[in-house]
N, C-alpha and C. Protein backbone atom coordinates (compact mmCIF):
# COMPACT_ATOMS: atom_id res chain seq x y z
N UNK A 1 0.44 -1.35 -0.28
CA UNK A 1 -0.04 -0.12 -0.05
C UNK A 1 0.82 1.10 -0.04
N UNK A 2 0.42 2.32 -1.01
CA UNK A 2 1.21 3.24 -1.07
C UNK A 2 0.54 4.32 -0.61
N UNK A 3 1.58 4.96 0.49
CA UNK A 3 0.41 6.30 1.28
C UNK A 3 0.41 7.48 0.55
N UNK A 4 -0.50 8.21 0.66
CA UNK A 4 -0.35 9.61 -0.39
C UNK A 4 0.60 10.72 0.02
N UNK A 5 1.41 11.23 -0.68
CA UNK A 5 2.68 12.26 -0.10
C UNK A 5 1.68 13.62 -0.12
N UNK A 6 2.11 14.18 1.20
CA UNK A 6 1.64 15.62 1.01
C UNK A 6 2.41 16.72 -0.16
N UNK A 7 1.70 17.77 -0.51
CA UNK A 7 2.42 18.34 -1.66
C UNK A 7 3.78 18.96 -0.52
N UNK A 8 3.47 19.32 0.49
CA UNK A 8 4.39 20.24 1.25
C UNK A 8 5.75 19.11 1.97
N UNK A 9 5.33 17.76 1.68
CA UNK A 9 6.13 17.01 2.45
C UNK A 9 7.92 16.95 1.68
N UNK A 10 8.72 16.99 2.67
CA UNK A 10 10.13 16.95 1.93
C UNK A 10 10.67 15.97 2.51
N UNK A 11 11.92 15.17 1.90
CA UNK A 11 12.63 14.34 2.39
C UNK A 11 13.20 14.33 3.41
N UNK A 12 13.69 13.52 4.41
CA UNK A 12 14.57 14.13 5.79
C UNK A 12 15.82 14.66 5.27
N UNK A 13 16.39 15.50 5.71
CA UNK A 13 17.75 16.11 5.40
C UNK A 13 18.95 14.98 6.19
N UNK A 14 19.41 14.58 4.97
CA UNK A 14 20.34 13.53 5.78
C UNK A 14 21.34 13.77 6.31
N UNK A 15 21.71 15.07 6.25
CA UNK A 15 22.99 15.58 7.68
C UNK A 15 22.26 15.21 8.71
N UNK A 16 20.88 15.82 9.02
CA UNK A 16 20.35 15.75 10.16
C UNK A 16 20.33 14.30 10.63
N UNK A 17 20.28 13.68 9.80
CA UNK A 17 20.15 12.27 10.26
C UNK A 17 21.07 11.92 10.79
N UNK A 18 22.25 12.48 10.49
CA UNK A 18 23.72 11.79 10.60
C UNK A 18 24.10 12.17 12.27
N UNK A 19 23.38 13.04 12.66
CA UNK A 19 23.38 13.73 14.15
C UNK A 19 22.36 12.37 15.01
N UNK A 20 21.44 12.34 14.55
CA UNK A 20 20.48 11.14 15.17
C UNK A 20 21.50 10.17 15.18
N UNK A 21 22.00 9.52 14.16
CA UNK A 21 22.64 8.45 14.05
C UNK A 21 23.22 8.04 14.93
N UNK A 22 24.31 9.31 15.23
CA UNK A 22 25.12 9.49 16.18
C UNK A 22 24.99 9.04 17.78
N UNK A 23 23.58 9.98 17.84
CA UNK A 23 23.04 9.77 19.56
C UNK A 23 22.87 8.49 19.60
N UNK A 24 22.08 7.63 18.66
CA UNK A 24 21.71 6.49 18.34
C UNK A 24 22.72 5.31 18.69
N UNK A 25 24.22 5.57 18.25
CA UNK A 25 25.23 4.86 18.53
C UNK A 25 25.63 4.90 19.87
N UNK A 26 25.69 6.28 20.65
CA UNK A 26 26.17 6.76 21.76
C UNK A 26 25.03 5.69 22.72
N UNK A 27 23.74 5.62 22.56
CA UNK A 27 22.60 5.00 23.29
C UNK A 27 22.96 3.55 23.27
N UNK A 28 23.33 3.02 22.18
CA UNK A 28 23.45 1.40 21.88
C UNK A 28 24.48 1.26 22.91
N UNK A 29 25.92 1.82 22.63
CA UNK A 29 26.87 1.48 23.35
C UNK A 29 27.03 2.14 24.94
N UNK A 30 26.32 2.48 25.45
CA UNK A 30 25.71 3.03 26.86
C UNK A 30 25.10 1.52 27.28
N UNK A 31 23.82 1.25 26.50
CA UNK A 31 23.55 -0.23 27.07
C UNK A 31 24.12 -1.08 27.05
N UNK A 32 25.16 -1.61 26.16
CA UNK A 32 25.94 -2.88 25.96
C UNK A 32 26.72 -2.69 26.96
N UNK A 33 27.39 -1.56 27.69
CA UNK A 33 28.26 -1.60 28.78
C UNK A 33 27.54 -1.94 29.79
N UNK A 34 26.91 -0.94 29.92
CA UNK A 34 25.94 -0.81 31.56
C UNK A 34 25.19 -2.05 31.65
N UNK A 35 24.59 -2.50 30.52
CA UNK A 35 23.39 -3.64 30.77
C UNK A 35 23.61 -5.00 30.21
N UNK A 36 25.00 -5.12 29.56
CA UNK A 36 25.36 -5.99 28.55
C UNK A 36 26.17 -6.73 29.35
N UNK A 37 26.90 -8.05 29.05
CA UNK A 37 27.81 -8.92 29.40
C UNK A 37 28.78 -8.29 29.97
N UNK A 38 29.19 -8.40 31.56
CA UNK A 38 30.38 -7.97 31.93
C UNK A 38 31.76 -8.20 31.16
N UNK A 39 31.79 -8.91 30.64
CA UNK A 39 33.10 -9.20 29.68
C UNK A 39 32.98 -8.03 28.18
N UNK A 40 31.91 -8.13 27.93
CA UNK A 40 31.39 -6.82 26.85
C UNK A 40 31.87 -5.46 27.43
N UNK A 41 31.23 -5.02 28.49
CA UNK A 41 31.54 -3.96 29.19
C UNK A 41 33.06 -3.76 29.47
N UNK A 42 33.98 -4.91 29.59
CA UNK A 42 35.61 -4.71 29.91
C UNK A 42 36.01 -4.07 28.54
N UNK A 43 35.57 -5.25 27.85
CA UNK A 43 36.46 -4.72 26.27
C UNK A 43 35.90 -3.33 25.81
N UNK A 44 34.95 -2.92 25.97
CA UNK A 44 34.63 -1.25 25.69
C UNK A 44 35.22 -0.53 26.47
N UNK A 45 35.37 -0.90 27.76
CA UNK A 45 36.37 0.13 28.71
C UNK A 45 37.77 0.10 28.46
N UNK A 46 38.53 -1.04 28.35
CA UNK A 46 39.70 -1.25 27.63
C UNK A 46 39.98 -0.79 26.54
N UNK A 47 39.48 -0.91 25.46
CA UNK A 47 39.39 -0.24 24.05
C UNK A 47 39.01 1.07 23.72
N UNK A 48 37.89 1.59 24.35
CA UNK A 48 37.39 2.88 24.14
C UNK A 48 37.70 4.01 24.77
N UNK A 49 38.05 3.58 25.69
CA UNK A 49 38.23 4.90 26.90
C UNK A 49 39.29 4.95 26.84
N UNK A 50 39.47 6.82 26.92
CA UNK A 50 40.91 7.48 26.78
C UNK A 50 41.97 7.12 27.94
N UNK A 51 42.96 6.86 28.01
CA UNK A 51 43.90 6.56 29.31
C UNK A 51 45.31 7.14 28.56
N UNK A 52 45.73 8.62 29.34
CA UNK A 52 46.73 9.29 28.72
C UNK A 52 47.94 8.68 28.71
N UNK A 53 48.55 7.84 29.30
CA UNK A 53 49.71 7.18 29.31
C UNK A 53 49.82 5.91 28.22
N UNK A 54 48.20 5.67 27.71
CA UNK A 54 48.73 4.59 26.57
C UNK A 54 48.79 5.19 25.08
N UNK A 55 48.49 6.77 25.34
CA UNK A 55 49.04 7.33 24.44
C UNK A 55 50.50 7.05 23.39
N UNK A 56 51.24 6.66 24.75
CA UNK A 56 52.75 6.32 23.98
C UNK A 56 52.49 5.13 23.26
N UNK A 57 51.70 4.27 23.12
CA UNK A 57 51.70 2.91 22.57
C UNK A 57 50.46 3.38 21.38
N UNK A 58 50.80 2.70 20.03
CA UNK A 58 49.42 2.79 19.26
C UNK A 58 48.22 2.27 19.42
N UNK A 59 48.36 1.34 20.32
CA UNK A 59 46.96 0.66 21.04
C UNK A 59 46.10 2.09 21.22
N UNK A 60 46.78 2.92 21.96
CA UNK A 60 45.80 4.09 22.44
C UNK A 60 45.54 4.85 21.70
N UNK A 61 45.72 5.04 20.34
CA UNK A 61 45.24 5.85 19.52
C UNK A 61 43.96 6.01 19.21
N UNK A 62 43.06 4.68 18.81
CA UNK A 62 41.82 4.85 18.55
C UNK A 62 40.73 5.52 19.45
N UNK A 63 41.40 5.25 20.61
CA UNK A 63 40.53 6.05 21.85
C UNK A 63 40.59 7.73 21.92
N UNK A 64 41.27 8.10 21.13
CA UNK A 64 41.42 9.54 20.95
C UNK A 64 39.97 9.69 20.47
N UNK A 65 39.38 8.77 19.54
CA UNK A 65 37.94 9.42 18.88
C UNK A 65 36.79 8.72 19.72
N UNK A 66 37.29 7.23 20.02
CA UNK A 66 36.15 6.20 20.54
C UNK A 66 35.69 6.54 22.13
N UNK A 67 36.27 7.50 22.74
CA UNK A 67 35.58 7.47 24.04
C UNK A 67 34.67 8.38 24.15
N UNK A 68 33.93 8.71 22.71
CA UNK A 68 32.73 9.53 22.47
C UNK A 68 31.86 8.86 22.94
N UNK A 69 31.90 7.70 22.74
CA UNK A 69 30.81 6.46 22.57
C UNK A 69 30.49 5.90 24.17
N UNK A 70 31.07 6.62 24.97
CA UNK A 70 31.01 5.71 26.51
C UNK A 70 30.65 6.86 27.35
N UNK A 71 29.86 6.63 28.17
CA UNK A 71 29.09 7.49 29.42
C UNK A 71 29.03 6.85 30.52
N UNK A 72 29.64 7.27 31.71
CA UNK A 72 29.45 7.06 33.20
C UNK A 72 28.19 6.30 33.78
N UNK A 73 26.96 7.29 33.54
CA UNK A 73 25.87 7.56 34.29
C UNK A 73 24.63 8.08 33.54
N UNK A 74 23.45 7.48 33.76
CA UNK A 74 22.48 7.91 32.57
C UNK A 74 22.68 9.71 32.86
N UNK A 75 23.16 10.45 33.82
CA UNK A 75 22.85 12.42 33.81
C UNK A 75 24.00 12.61 32.95
N UNK A 76 25.06 11.97 32.81
CA UNK A 76 26.26 12.17 32.02
C UNK A 76 25.93 12.06 30.47
N UNK A 77 25.21 10.69 30.07
CA UNK A 77 24.65 10.44 28.98
C UNK A 77 23.70 11.51 28.26
N UNK A 78 22.81 12.04 29.00
CA UNK A 78 21.75 12.72 28.56
C UNK A 78 21.95 14.20 28.29
N UNK A 79 23.03 14.51 29.45
CA UNK A 79 23.08 15.74 29.61
C UNK A 79 24.17 15.72 27.89
N UNK A 80 24.72 15.27 27.85
CA UNK A 80 25.86 15.07 26.71
C UNK A 80 25.03 15.10 25.67
N UNK A 81 24.02 13.77 25.21
CA UNK A 81 23.35 13.78 24.19
C UNK A 81 22.27 15.21 23.72
N UNK A 82 21.91 15.78 25.11
CA UNK A 82 21.07 16.91 24.60
C UNK A 82 21.76 18.06 24.20
N UNK A 83 22.85 17.97 24.39
CA UNK A 83 23.98 18.94 24.08
C UNK A 83 24.24 18.70 22.42
N UNK A 84 24.53 17.80 22.50
CA UNK A 84 24.88 17.10 21.05
C UNK A 84 23.76 17.43 20.11
N UNK A 85 22.35 17.25 20.30
CA UNK A 85 21.43 17.38 19.67
C UNK A 85 21.67 19.27 19.33
N UNK A 86 21.12 20.04 20.54
CA UNK A 86 20.91 21.38 20.61
C UNK A 86 22.26 21.91 19.28
N UNK A 87 23.32 21.81 19.59
CA UNK A 87 24.25 22.31 19.11
C UNK A 87 24.63 21.29 17.51
N UNK A 88 24.35 20.46 17.80
CA UNK A 88 24.78 19.60 16.27
C UNK A 88 24.13 20.05 15.00
N UNK A 89 22.53 19.85 15.20
CA UNK A 89 21.71 20.49 14.40
C UNK A 89 21.98 21.48 13.75
N UNK A 90 22.23 22.67 14.19
CA UNK A 90 22.51 24.11 13.58
C UNK A 90 23.79 23.82 12.49
N UNK A 91 25.11 23.07 13.09
CA UNK A 91 26.03 23.05 12.57
C UNK A 91 26.20 22.15 11.44
N UNK A 92 25.42 20.68 11.77
CA UNK A 92 25.40 19.86 10.79
C UNK A 92 24.80 20.66 9.22
N UNK A 93 23.91 21.17 9.46
CA UNK A 93 23.02 22.06 8.49
C UNK A 93 24.05 22.90 7.49
N UNK A 94 25.05 23.52 8.14
CA UNK A 94 25.76 24.06 7.20
C UNK A 94 27.32 23.72 6.89
N UNK A 95 27.77 22.65 7.67
CA UNK A 95 28.96 21.90 7.30
C UNK A 95 28.64 20.62 6.52
N UNK A 96 27.58 19.96 6.66
CA UNK A 96 26.87 18.77 5.97
C UNK A 96 27.52 17.49 6.65
N UNK A 97 27.23 16.68 6.37
CA UNK A 97 27.54 15.09 7.09
C UNK A 97 29.13 15.06 7.32
N UNK A 98 29.64 15.36 6.26
CA UNK A 98 31.24 14.71 6.63
C UNK A 98 32.03 15.46 7.08
N UNK A 99 31.93 16.95 6.96
CA UNK A 99 32.39 17.74 7.76
C UNK A 99 32.11 17.96 8.90
N UNK A 100 30.50 17.77 9.23
CA UNK A 100 30.13 17.62 10.80
C UNK A 100 30.98 16.39 11.49
N UNK A 101 31.25 15.70 10.89
CA UNK A 101 31.79 14.29 11.83
C UNK A 101 33.33 14.42 11.94
N UNK A 102 34.18 15.23 10.74
CA UNK A 102 35.49 15.37 11.20
C UNK A 102 35.58 16.64 12.14
N UNK A 103 34.62 17.67 12.16
CA UNK A 103 35.07 18.59 13.23
C UNK A 103 34.75 18.04 14.58
N UNK A 104 33.57 16.86 14.77
CA UNK A 104 33.07 16.59 15.61
C UNK A 104 34.17 15.53 16.38
N UNK A 105 34.80 14.54 15.72
CA UNK A 105 35.69 13.90 15.92
C UNK A 105 36.83 14.40 16.26
N UNK A 106 37.71 15.52 15.62
CA UNK A 106 38.52 16.02 15.58
C UNK A 106 38.68 16.80 16.97
N UNK A 107 37.29 17.38 17.17
CA UNK A 107 37.06 18.19 18.71
C UNK A 107 37.47 17.04 19.78
N UNK A 108 36.80 16.17 19.66
CA UNK A 108 36.68 14.85 20.57
C UNK A 108 38.63 14.68 20.75
N UNK A 109 39.13 14.50 19.68
CA UNK A 109 40.70 14.06 19.69
C UNK A 109 41.56 14.85 20.80
N UNK A 110 40.92 16.73 20.01
CA UNK A 110 41.62 17.80 20.67
C UNK A 110 41.64 17.82 22.05
N UNK A 111 40.34 17.59 22.76
CA UNK A 111 40.15 17.47 23.73
C UNK A 111 41.14 16.46 24.75
N UNK A 112 40.94 15.10 24.28
CA UNK A 112 41.42 13.93 24.77
C UNK A 112 43.04 14.30 25.03
N UNK A 113 43.96 15.20 23.66
CA UNK A 113 45.10 15.26 23.53
C UNK A 113 45.85 16.48 24.54
N UNK A 114 44.40 17.33 24.94
CA UNK A 114 45.00 18.35 25.90
C UNK A 114 45.30 17.81 27.29
N UNK A 115 44.10 16.75 27.53
CA UNK A 115 44.17 16.14 28.72
C UNK A 115 45.51 15.39 28.53
N UNK A 116 46.12 14.60 27.69
CA UNK A 116 47.30 14.08 27.82
C UNK A 116 48.31 14.98 28.11
N UNK A 117 48.34 15.93 27.44
CA UNK A 117 49.50 17.00 27.67
C UNK A 117 49.63 17.61 29.07
N UNK A 118 48.36 17.55 29.94
CA UNK A 118 48.39 17.97 31.11
C UNK A 118 48.91 17.29 32.16
N UNK A 119 48.41 15.69 32.05
CA UNK A 119 49.28 14.78 32.59
C UNK A 119 49.22 13.41 31.58
N UNK A 120 50.56 13.34 31.42
CA UNK A 120 50.64 12.29 30.44
C UNK A 120 50.81 11.12 31.19
N UNK A 121 50.90 10.92 32.27
CA UNK A 121 51.48 9.47 33.16
C UNK A 121 49.97 9.28 33.83
N UNK A 122 48.94 10.04 33.43
CA UNK A 122 47.78 9.63 34.58
C UNK A 122 47.13 8.10 33.82
N UNK A 123 46.78 7.46 34.89
CA UNK A 123 46.09 5.92 34.02
C UNK A 123 44.42 6.36 34.17
N UNK A 124 44.08 7.36 34.66
CA UNK A 124 42.75 7.50 34.54
C UNK A 124 41.97 7.33 33.51
N UNK A 125 40.66 6.78 33.21
CA UNK A 125 40.11 6.74 32.02
C UNK A 125 39.06 7.83 31.79
N UNK A 126 39.21 8.60 30.40
CA UNK A 126 38.45 9.58 30.21
C UNK A 126 37.41 9.08 29.07
N UNK A 127 36.00 9.61 29.55
CA UNK A 127 34.86 8.74 28.72
C UNK A 127 34.12 10.08 28.71
N UNK A 128 33.34 9.79 27.52
CA UNK A 128 32.26 10.83 26.93
C UNK A 128 32.35 11.67 25.85
N UNK A 129 31.10 12.07 25.68
CA UNK A 129 31.10 13.02 24.13
C UNK A 129 31.54 14.52 24.54
N UNK A 130 31.67 15.19 25.53
CA UNK A 130 31.44 16.60 26.01
C UNK A 130 32.58 17.06 25.38
N UNK A 131 34.06 16.75 24.58
CA UNK A 131 35.07 17.28 24.07
C UNK A 131 34.27 17.53 22.77
N UNK A 132 33.68 16.59 22.00
CA UNK A 132 33.05 16.67 20.72
C UNK A 132 31.96 17.78 20.52
N UNK A 133 30.88 17.73 21.67
CA UNK A 133 30.30 18.66 21.90
C UNK A 133 30.66 20.19 22.13
N UNK A 134 31.71 20.12 22.73
CA UNK A 134 32.16 21.40 23.28
C UNK A 134 33.13 22.43 21.80
N UNK A 135 33.37 21.09 20.76
CA UNK A 135 34.14 21.60 19.62
C UNK A 135 32.75 22.13 18.40
N UNK A 136 31.84 21.84 18.57
CA UNK A 136 30.60 21.89 18.18
C UNK A 136 30.23 23.53 18.60
N UNK A 137 30.24 23.77 19.85
CA UNK A 137 29.76 24.88 20.18
C UNK A 137 30.81 25.97 19.51
N UNK A 138 32.27 25.79 19.42
CA UNK A 138 33.20 26.30 18.86
C UNK A 138 33.25 26.53 17.74
N UNK A 139 32.66 25.43 16.95
CA UNK A 139 32.10 25.83 15.45
C UNK A 139 31.42 26.59 15.46
N UNK A 140 30.30 26.96 16.22
CA UNK A 140 29.27 27.93 15.94
C UNK A 140 29.57 29.48 16.24
N UNK A 141 30.73 29.32 17.23
CA UNK A 141 30.98 30.55 17.27
C UNK A 141 31.92 31.21 16.29
N UNK A 142 32.28 30.52 15.52
CA UNK A 142 33.26 30.82 14.44
C UNK A 142 32.64 31.56 13.21
N UNK A 143 31.41 31.03 13.21
CA UNK A 143 30.37 31.93 12.11
C UNK A 143 30.28 32.94 12.30
N UNK A 144 29.84 33.73 13.43
CA UNK A 144 29.83 35.33 13.79
C UNK A 144 31.22 35.93 13.86
N UNK A 145 32.28 35.12 14.18
CA UNK A 145 33.55 35.73 14.32
C UNK A 145 34.15 36.01 13.19
N UNK A 146 33.84 34.82 12.23
CA UNK A 146 34.47 35.62 10.65
C UNK A 146 33.82 36.19 10.09
N UNK A 147 32.31 36.02 9.88
CA UNK A 147 31.30 36.87 9.21
C UNK A 147 30.75 37.97 9.77
N UNK A 148 31.15 38.31 11.14
CA UNK A 148 30.36 39.34 11.57
C UNK A 148 28.87 39.17 12.25
N UNK A 149 28.11 38.34 11.38
CA UNK A 149 26.91 37.89 11.55
C UNK A 149 26.66 36.81 11.28
N UNK A 150 25.79 36.18 11.71
CA UNK A 150 25.42 34.60 11.31
C UNK A 150 23.81 34.31 11.47
N UNK A 151 23.07 33.69 10.61
CA UNK A 151 21.71 33.24 11.18
C UNK A 151 21.80 32.26 11.82
N UNK A 152 22.41 32.07 13.20
CA UNK A 152 22.08 31.33 14.25
C UNK A 152 21.44 31.74 15.60
N UNK A 153 21.16 30.93 16.40
CA UNK A 153 20.24 31.34 17.42
C UNK A 153 21.20 32.20 18.49
N UNK A 154 20.76 33.03 19.34
CA UNK A 154 21.19 33.73 20.56
C UNK A 154 22.59 34.30 20.48
N UNK A 155 23.26 33.39 21.25
CA UNK A 155 24.49 33.91 21.63
C UNK A 155 25.65 33.47 20.48
N UNK A 156 25.11 33.05 19.00
CA UNK A 156 26.28 32.72 18.08
C UNK A 156 25.71 33.89 16.81
N UNK A 157 24.77 34.58 17.22
CA UNK A 157 24.24 35.81 15.92
C UNK A 157 25.05 36.76 15.52
N UNK A 158 25.95 37.09 16.44
CA UNK A 158 26.74 38.33 16.20
C UNK A 158 28.36 37.87 16.81
N UNK A 159 29.28 38.69 16.06
CA UNK A 159 30.81 38.59 16.50
C UNK A 159 30.87 38.79 18.43
N UNK A 160 30.03 40.01 18.56
CA UNK A 160 30.24 40.38 20.04
C UNK A 160 29.55 39.50 21.12
N UNK A 161 28.25 38.80 20.66
CA UNK A 161 27.64 37.53 21.48
C UNK A 161 28.59 36.64 21.38
N UNK A 162 29.27 36.12 20.26
CA UNK A 162 30.24 34.86 20.30
C UNK A 162 31.45 35.19 21.29
N UNK A 163 32.16 36.49 21.13
CA UNK A 163 33.01 36.64 21.96
C UNK A 163 32.43 36.46 23.59
N UNK A 164 31.44 37.05 23.92
CA UNK A 164 30.81 36.80 25.16
C UNK A 164 31.05 35.57 25.57
N UNK A 165 29.68 34.80 24.98
CA UNK A 165 29.80 33.34 25.13
C UNK A 165 31.31 32.53 25.29
N UNK A 166 32.15 32.81 24.32
CA UNK A 166 33.68 32.20 24.77
C UNK A 166 33.87 32.45 26.03
N UNK A 167 33.90 33.77 26.32
CA UNK A 167 34.27 33.87 28.05
C UNK A 167 33.72 33.47 29.02
N UNK A 168 32.32 33.57 28.78
CA UNK A 168 31.62 32.97 30.07
C UNK A 168 31.59 31.34 30.22
N UNK A 169 31.62 31.02 28.46
CA UNK A 169 31.86 29.54 28.57
C UNK A 169 33.09 28.73 29.11
N UNK A 170 34.38 29.75 29.15
CA UNK A 170 35.45 29.18 29.72
C UNK A 170 35.34 29.35 31.08
N UNK A 171 35.25 30.61 31.89
CA UNK A 171 35.03 30.96 33.05
C UNK A 171 34.05 29.76 33.85
N UNK A 172 32.80 29.27 33.20
CA UNK A 172 32.00 28.44 33.80
C UNK A 172 32.94 27.05 33.90
N UNK A 173 33.46 26.46 32.71
CA UNK A 173 34.36 25.21 32.73
C UNK A 173 35.17 25.49 33.70
N UNK A 174 36.31 26.28 33.81
CA UNK A 174 36.96 26.63 35.13
C UNK A 174 36.73 26.37 36.59
N UNK A 175 35.30 26.88 36.64
CA UNK A 175 34.55 27.01 37.81
C UNK A 175 34.30 25.58 38.10
N UNK A 176 33.54 25.01 37.16
CA UNK A 176 32.83 23.40 37.39
C UNK A 176 34.28 22.58 37.65
N UNK A 177 35.34 23.12 36.93
CA UNK A 177 36.38 22.14 37.28
C UNK A 177 37.05 21.98 38.33
N UNK A 178 37.22 22.83 38.96
CA UNK A 178 37.82 23.22 40.01
C UNK A 178 37.05 22.94 41.26
N UNK A 179 35.35 23.24 41.43
CA UNK A 179 34.74 22.71 42.81
C UNK A 179 34.30 21.31 42.86
N UNK A 180 34.14 20.71 41.44
CA UNK A 180 33.76 19.56 41.24
C UNK A 180 34.35 18.47 42.38
N UNK A 181 35.77 18.33 42.21
CA UNK A 181 36.31 17.47 43.13
C UNK A 181 35.61 17.47 44.73
N UNK A 182 35.68 18.88 45.01
CA UNK A 182 35.17 19.06 46.25
C UNK A 182 33.32 18.97 46.65
N UNK A 183 32.54 19.47 45.32
CA UNK A 183 31.49 19.32 45.50
C UNK A 183 30.42 17.96 45.51
N UNK A 184 31.05 17.31 44.12
CA UNK A 184 30.61 15.85 44.05
C UNK A 184 31.48 14.62 43.90
N UNK A 185 32.76 15.30 44.37
CA UNK A 185 33.58 14.06 44.89
C UNK A 185 34.04 13.18 43.42
N UNK A 186 34.22 13.90 42.31
CA UNK A 186 34.54 13.60 41.25
C UNK A 186 35.38 14.37 40.23
N UNK A 187 36.01 14.26 39.34
CA UNK A 187 36.79 15.21 38.33
C UNK A 187 35.96 15.48 37.05
N UNK A 188 35.75 16.56 36.85
CA UNK A 188 35.42 16.78 35.43
C UNK A 188 36.78 17.47 34.46
N UNK A 189 36.31 16.47 33.25
CA UNK A 189 37.63 17.14 32.46
C UNK A 189 37.58 18.33 31.88
N UNK A 190 37.63 19.17 32.58
CA UNK A 190 37.49 20.79 32.01
C UNK A 190 38.54 21.21 30.59
N UNK A 191 39.61 20.57 31.19
CA UNK A 191 40.85 20.60 29.95
C UNK A 191 40.73 20.28 28.95
N UNK A 192 39.61 19.14 29.27
CA UNK A 192 39.30 18.47 27.71
C UNK A 192 38.08 19.37 27.24
N UNK A 193 37.76 19.75 27.74
CA UNK A 193 36.37 20.48 27.21
C UNK A 193 36.84 21.78 26.48
N UNK A 194 37.81 22.44 27.22
CA UNK A 194 38.52 23.30 26.60
C UNK A 194 39.46 22.78 25.30
N UNK A 195 39.92 22.08 25.41
CA UNK A 195 40.68 21.55 24.21
C UNK A 195 40.04 21.06 23.05
N UNK A 196 38.75 20.52 23.53
CA UNK A 196 38.04 20.30 22.27
C UNK A 196 37.10 21.33 21.31
N UNK A 197 36.58 22.48 22.47
CA UNK A 197 36.23 23.80 22.20
C UNK A 197 36.92 24.40 21.23
N UNK A 198 38.32 24.86 21.36
CA UNK A 198 39.27 25.41 20.66
C UNK A 198 39.78 24.68 19.34
N UNK A 199 39.57 23.24 19.35
CA UNK A 199 39.73 22.45 18.20
C UNK A 199 38.66 22.77 17.03
N UNK A 200 37.47 22.48 17.62
CA UNK A 200 36.23 23.28 16.78
C UNK A 200 36.14 24.53 16.03
N UNK A 201 36.82 25.40 17.19
CA UNK A 201 36.70 26.75 16.80
C UNK A 201 37.74 27.12 15.74
N UNK A 202 39.12 26.33 16.12
CA UNK A 202 39.81 26.57 14.76
C UNK A 202 39.93 26.32 13.57
N UNK A 203 39.25 25.03 13.50
CA UNK A 203 39.07 23.98 12.52
C UNK A 203 37.98 24.76 11.58
N UNK A 204 37.12 24.96 12.16
CA UNK A 204 36.12 25.46 11.68
C UNK A 204 36.31 27.02 10.76
N UNK A 205 36.84 27.72 11.86
CA UNK A 205 37.46 29.11 11.58
C UNK A 205 38.38 29.07 9.71
N UNK A 206 39.17 27.69 9.82
CA UNK A 206 39.71 27.58 8.64
C UNK A 206 39.26 27.03 7.97
N UNK A 207 37.78 26.56 7.60
CA UNK A 207 37.14 25.91 6.76
C UNK A 207 36.60 27.28 6.28
N UNK A 208 35.96 28.22 7.17
CA UNK A 208 35.03 29.28 6.47
C UNK A 208 35.83 30.22 5.82
N UNK A 209 37.66 30.47 6.07
CA UNK A 209 38.33 31.24 5.78
C UNK A 209 38.91 30.52 4.32
N UNK A 210 38.47 29.47 3.82
CA UNK A 210 38.84 28.90 2.48
C UNK A 210 37.87 29.45 1.59
N UNK A 211 38.36 29.04 0.16
CA UNK A 211 37.41 29.63 -0.96
C UNK A 211 36.06 28.77 -0.54
N UNK A 212 35.14 29.60 -1.06
CA UNK A 212 33.62 29.07 -0.87
C UNK A 212 33.42 28.50 0.64
N UNK A 213 33.86 28.87 1.70
CA UNK A 213 33.56 28.81 2.95
C UNK A 213 32.24 29.06 3.21
N UNK A 214 31.59 27.96 3.84
CA UNK A 214 30.40 28.38 4.49
C UNK A 214 29.98 29.51 5.30
C-alpha cells in the first residue's frame, strides 16, 4: 500500500540524520556497557576509554576518538546527548554530514590530547562526548567571528555575542572543574572541554576562510 504524499512533504535532511544516528550509536554503546555482559563492558572500557599514558603506544590512538561512545551514568549520557542535538543540528546543516563528523571527532581528539598534555602519565579513564560537543559550540562561534553576523540563534548571532559566550563558557568550565572534586567527589575533564572547544573553533574558522567557505 502506498501512502499519499503531502505536497509540502520533504525528504529528511540526510545531514540531520547523521546527528540522530550518532546519538543512537552512543545510546547503544551505553546500553551494552551498562546492561550487557560484563566481559563486553570490560572490552569496551579497555579499548574505547582514553587513558593518557596509553597514548605512548599505538594501541591508545583509536581511543582519542572512540571515548565519545562511552558514558559513566544516565546523567552524563543525557546531558551530552541533549547538547549534541542542540548544537549539532545547526552546525550539521551548514557543514553537512562529512565535515560535521570531521569537526566533532577532531574536537574529541583535541580535547583528549589536551588531557594528555596536562597529565601524560595518568592512568585514569576519560570517557564521554563532551569534548566533541564542546567543539560544536566552538564551531558555531566561528561563524559570527569570521562573518560578523550569522543566521544562528542567540549567542551565535553576532561577533560580540560569540566572544561573550566564549568568555563565559571558559569561566564556567574552569569554575566547575575546580569545585567538582570538592562538591561532587569527582573530577570534571574541563581541560578536555577547552581543548575540544578550541579545536572546533580553529578547524571551522579555517574552513570558513577557505574559498567557498560556508
